Amino acid sequence: MYDLFAVCLIGITLNNIYYDNRTYLQVQVQNVNNFAFYNGLVTQIKLMPELTPTSQLALVGDADALVHNSDKNFGRNEIRGAIRLLNVYSRRDYIIRHIGFDIPILQRSDPAQLQLEADPRVQAMPVYPYHGSIQAIDSVIVVKFSNKTTD
C-alpha cells in the first residue's frame, strides 16, 4: 500500500516539475517577446517631435497578430492565451510598469478613444509597424495596431 502511494507521489512530483517549468518558460518567452515589441514601440513614440509632457496615447486595435504567439512553440499547454492577457487585457499597465513609459493611455471605453477610432484620419492610417501607423492627432499620439478592436 505504501509502495503504491510512494510511486504515485513520485509521479505527481515529476509531472508537476515538468509542467511548472514548461509553463513558466512559456510565460517568460511571451514576456520577452512582448517587452521587445512594446520597447520598440515606445522608442518610436519617444522620438516623435509631437510628444509633449501633456501628450496622451491611444492604442487602436489588437496587437495579437504583431507579437509572437508563444502558444505555437509549446504545443498543448494550459497557459494558452498568454498573448491575449499581455496584449489586450494589460497592455496599458505593461507599458507603464514594465517598459517604464508613464504616459496617460486612453482606455478602450474612454469617449476620446472611441472618437479617435471613428475618426477618418485614424481609419485611413496604415497598420503598425508601417510608416504612418503612429501619428499625433489632436494632441494624442495614436498607434494603429489593426483595423479591428477588442471590446
Protein backbone atom coordinates (compact mmCIF):
# COMPACT_ATOMS: atom_id res chain seq x y z
CA MET A 1 0.00 0.00 0.00
CA TYR A 2 2.76 2.44 0.94
CA ASP A 3 4.72 1.48 -2.19
CA LEU A 4 1.79 2.45 -4.42
CA PHE A 5 1.41 5.71 -2.51
CA ALA A 6 5.13 6.49 -2.91
CA VAL A 7 5.06 5.72 -6.64
CA CYS A 8 2.03 7.97 -7.07
CA LEU A 9 3.73 10.81 -5.18
CA ILE A 10 6.87 10.46 -7.29
CA GLY A 11 4.78 10.51 -10.47
CA ILE A 12 2.83 13.56 -9.37
CA THR A 13 6.02 15.36 -8.33
CA LEU A 14 7.78 14.66 -11.65
CA ASN A 15 4.71 15.72 -13.62
CA ASN A 16 4.40 18.96 -11.65
CA ILE A 17 8.08 19.76 -12.08
CA TYR A 18 7.82 19.24 -15.85
CA TYR A 19 4.53 21.13 -16.19
CA ASP A 20 5.57 24.03 -13.95
CA ASN A 21 8.87 24.51 -15.75
CA ARG A 22 7.17 24.38 -19.12
CA THR A 23 4.50 26.87 -18.04
CA TYR A 24 6.98 29.33 -16.54
CA LEU A 25 9.17 29.04 -19.64
CA GLN A 26 6.21 29.82 -21.89
CA VAL A 27 5.24 32.86 -19.84
CA GLN A 28 8.87 34.02 -19.87
CA VAL A 29 9.09 33.63 -23.66
CA GLN A 30 5.86 35.59 -24.09
CA ASN A 31 7.08 38.29 -21.70
CA VAL A 32 10.42 38.67 -23.51
CA ASN A 33 8.67 38.98 -26.86
CA ASN A 34 6.17 41.50 -25.51
CA PHE A 35 8.95 43.50 -23.87
CA ALA A 36 10.85 43.72 -27.17
CA PHE A 37 7.69 44.69 -29.07
CA TYR A 38 6.49 47.37 -26.68
CA ASN A 39 10.01 48.69 -26.01
CA GLY A 40 10.48 49.25 -29.74
CA LEU A 41 7.08 50.92 -29.96
CA VAL A 42 7.81 53.23 -27.02
CA THR A 43 11.17 54.16 -28.55
CA GLN A 44 9.43 55.22 -31.76
CA ILE A 45 6.91 57.28 -29.77
CA LYS A 46 9.65 58.96 -27.71
CA LEU A 47 11.40 60.03 -30.92
CA MET A 48 8.32 61.89 -32.18
CA PRO A 49 8.70 65.67 -32.09
CA GLU A 50 4.97 65.95 -31.28
CA LEU A 51 5.45 64.21 -27.90
CA THR A 52 5.00 66.69 -25.06
CA PRO A 53 4.65 66.36 -21.27
CA THR A 54 0.86 66.60 -21.69
CA SER A 55 0.55 64.05 -24.50
CA GLN A 56 -1.79 61.09 -24.25
CA LEU A 57 -1.51 57.73 -26.01
CA ALA A 58 -4.27 55.88 -27.85
CA LEU A 59 -3.72 52.26 -28.86
CA VAL A 60 -6.20 51.40 -31.59
CA GLY A 61 -6.96 47.79 -32.45
CA ASP A 62 -5.49 44.46 -31.43
CA ALA A 63 -1.75 43.73 -31.38
CA ASP A 64 -2.20 39.94 -31.35
CA ALA A 65 -1.01 39.47 -34.92
CA LEU A 66 2.03 41.68 -34.32
CA VAL A 67 3.51 39.97 -31.27
CA HIS A 68 4.96 36.45 -31.30
CA ASN A 69 2.43 33.92 -30.00
CA SER A 70 4.21 31.57 -27.60
CA ASP A 71 1.33 29.07 -27.85
CA LYS A 72 2.80 27.96 -31.21
CA ASN A 73 6.04 26.80 -29.57
CA PHE A 74 4.65 24.95 -26.60
CA GLY A 75 2.01 22.67 -28.07
CA ARG A 76 -0.64 21.52 -25.64
CA ASN A 77 -0.42 23.56 -22.50
CA GLU A 78 -2.99 25.02 -20.14
CA ILE A 79 -1.48 28.51 -20.24
CA ARG A 80 -2.93 29.06 -23.73
CA GLY A 81 -3.89 32.65 -24.31
CA ALA A 82 -0.91 34.31 -22.62
CA ILE A 83 -0.61 36.52 -25.70
CA ARG A 84 -4.10 37.94 -25.18
CA LEU A 85 -3.54 38.58 -21.49
CA LEU A 86 -0.40 40.61 -22.16
CA ASN A 87 -1.57 42.37 -25.32
CA VAL A 88 -5.11 43.47 -24.66
CA TYR A 89 -6.03 42.91 -21.04
CA SER A 90 -2.95 44.55 -19.52
CA ARG A 91 -1.00 46.28 -22.28
CA ARG A 92 -1.64 49.67 -20.66
CA ASP A 93 -0.12 48.54 -17.35
CA TYR A 94 2.61 46.64 -19.20
CA ILE A 95 3.79 49.78 -20.99
CA ILE A 96 3.75 51.81 -17.77
CA ARG A 97 5.16 49.25 -15.32
CA HIS A 98 7.44 47.02 -17.38
CA ILE A 99 8.64 49.42 -20.07
CA GLY A 100 8.66 52.43 -17.74
CA PHE A 101 6.84 54.81 -20.09
CA ASP A 102 4.48 56.68 -17.79
CA ILE A 103 2.18 58.35 -20.29
CA PRO A 104 -1.60 58.61 -19.89
CA ILE A 105 -3.02 55.83 -22.07
CA LEU A 106 -6.65 56.11 -23.10
CA GLN A 107 -8.89 53.22 -22.10
CA ARG A 108 -10.97 51.42 -24.71
CA SER A 109 -14.15 52.87 -23.15
CA ASP A 110 -12.93 56.50 -22.98
CA PRO A 111 -15.02 58.83 -25.16
CA ALA A 112 -11.81 60.32 -26.60
CA GLN A 113 -10.64 56.81 -27.60
CA LEU A 114 -13.98 55.95 -29.20
CA GLN A 115 -13.97 59.27 -31.05
CA LEU A 116 -10.45 58.60 -32.35
CA GLU A 117 -11.36 55.09 -33.52
CA ALA A 118 -14.22 56.59 -35.58
CA ASP A 119 -12.07 59.44 -36.92
CA PRO A 120 -11.47 59.15 -40.70
CA ARG A 121 -7.82 60.15 -40.19
CA VAL A 122 -7.27 57.12 -37.92
CA GLN A 123 -9.22 54.81 -40.22
CA ALA A 124 -7.01 55.90 -43.11
CA MET A 125 -3.79 55.19 -41.17
CA PRO A 126 -1.78 52.10 -42.13
CA VAL A 127 -1.40 49.31 -39.59
CA TYR A 128 1.67 49.15 -37.33
CA PRO A 129 4.64 48.74 -37.99
CA TYR A 130 4.28 50.52 -41.34
CA HIS A 131 5.18 54.15 -41.90
CA GLY A 132 2.34 56.40 -40.78
CA SER A 133 0.89 53.96 -38.26
CA ILE A 134 1.98 56.25 -35.39
CA GLN A 135 0.66 59.79 -35.66
CA ALA A 136 -0.21 62.75 -33.47
CA ILE A 137 -3.89 63.60 -33.88
CA ASP A 138 -5.34 66.43 -31.80
CA SER A 139 -2.52 66.21 -29.21
CA VAL A 140 -2.97 62.44 -28.82
CA ILE A 141 -0.31 60.02 -30.04
CA VAL A 142 -2.26 57.36 -31.93
CA VAL A 143 -0.86 53.91 -32.69
CA LYS A 144 -2.96 51.81 -35.03
CA PHE A 145 -2.32 48.09 -34.43
CA SER A 146 -5.16 46.74 -36.57
CA ASN A 147 -8.46 47.61 -38.16
CA LYS A 148 -10.41 45.61 -35.59
CA THR A 149 -10.82 46.39 -31.92
CA THR A 150 -11.45 44.28 -28.84
CA ASP A 151 -14.40 45.17 -26.66
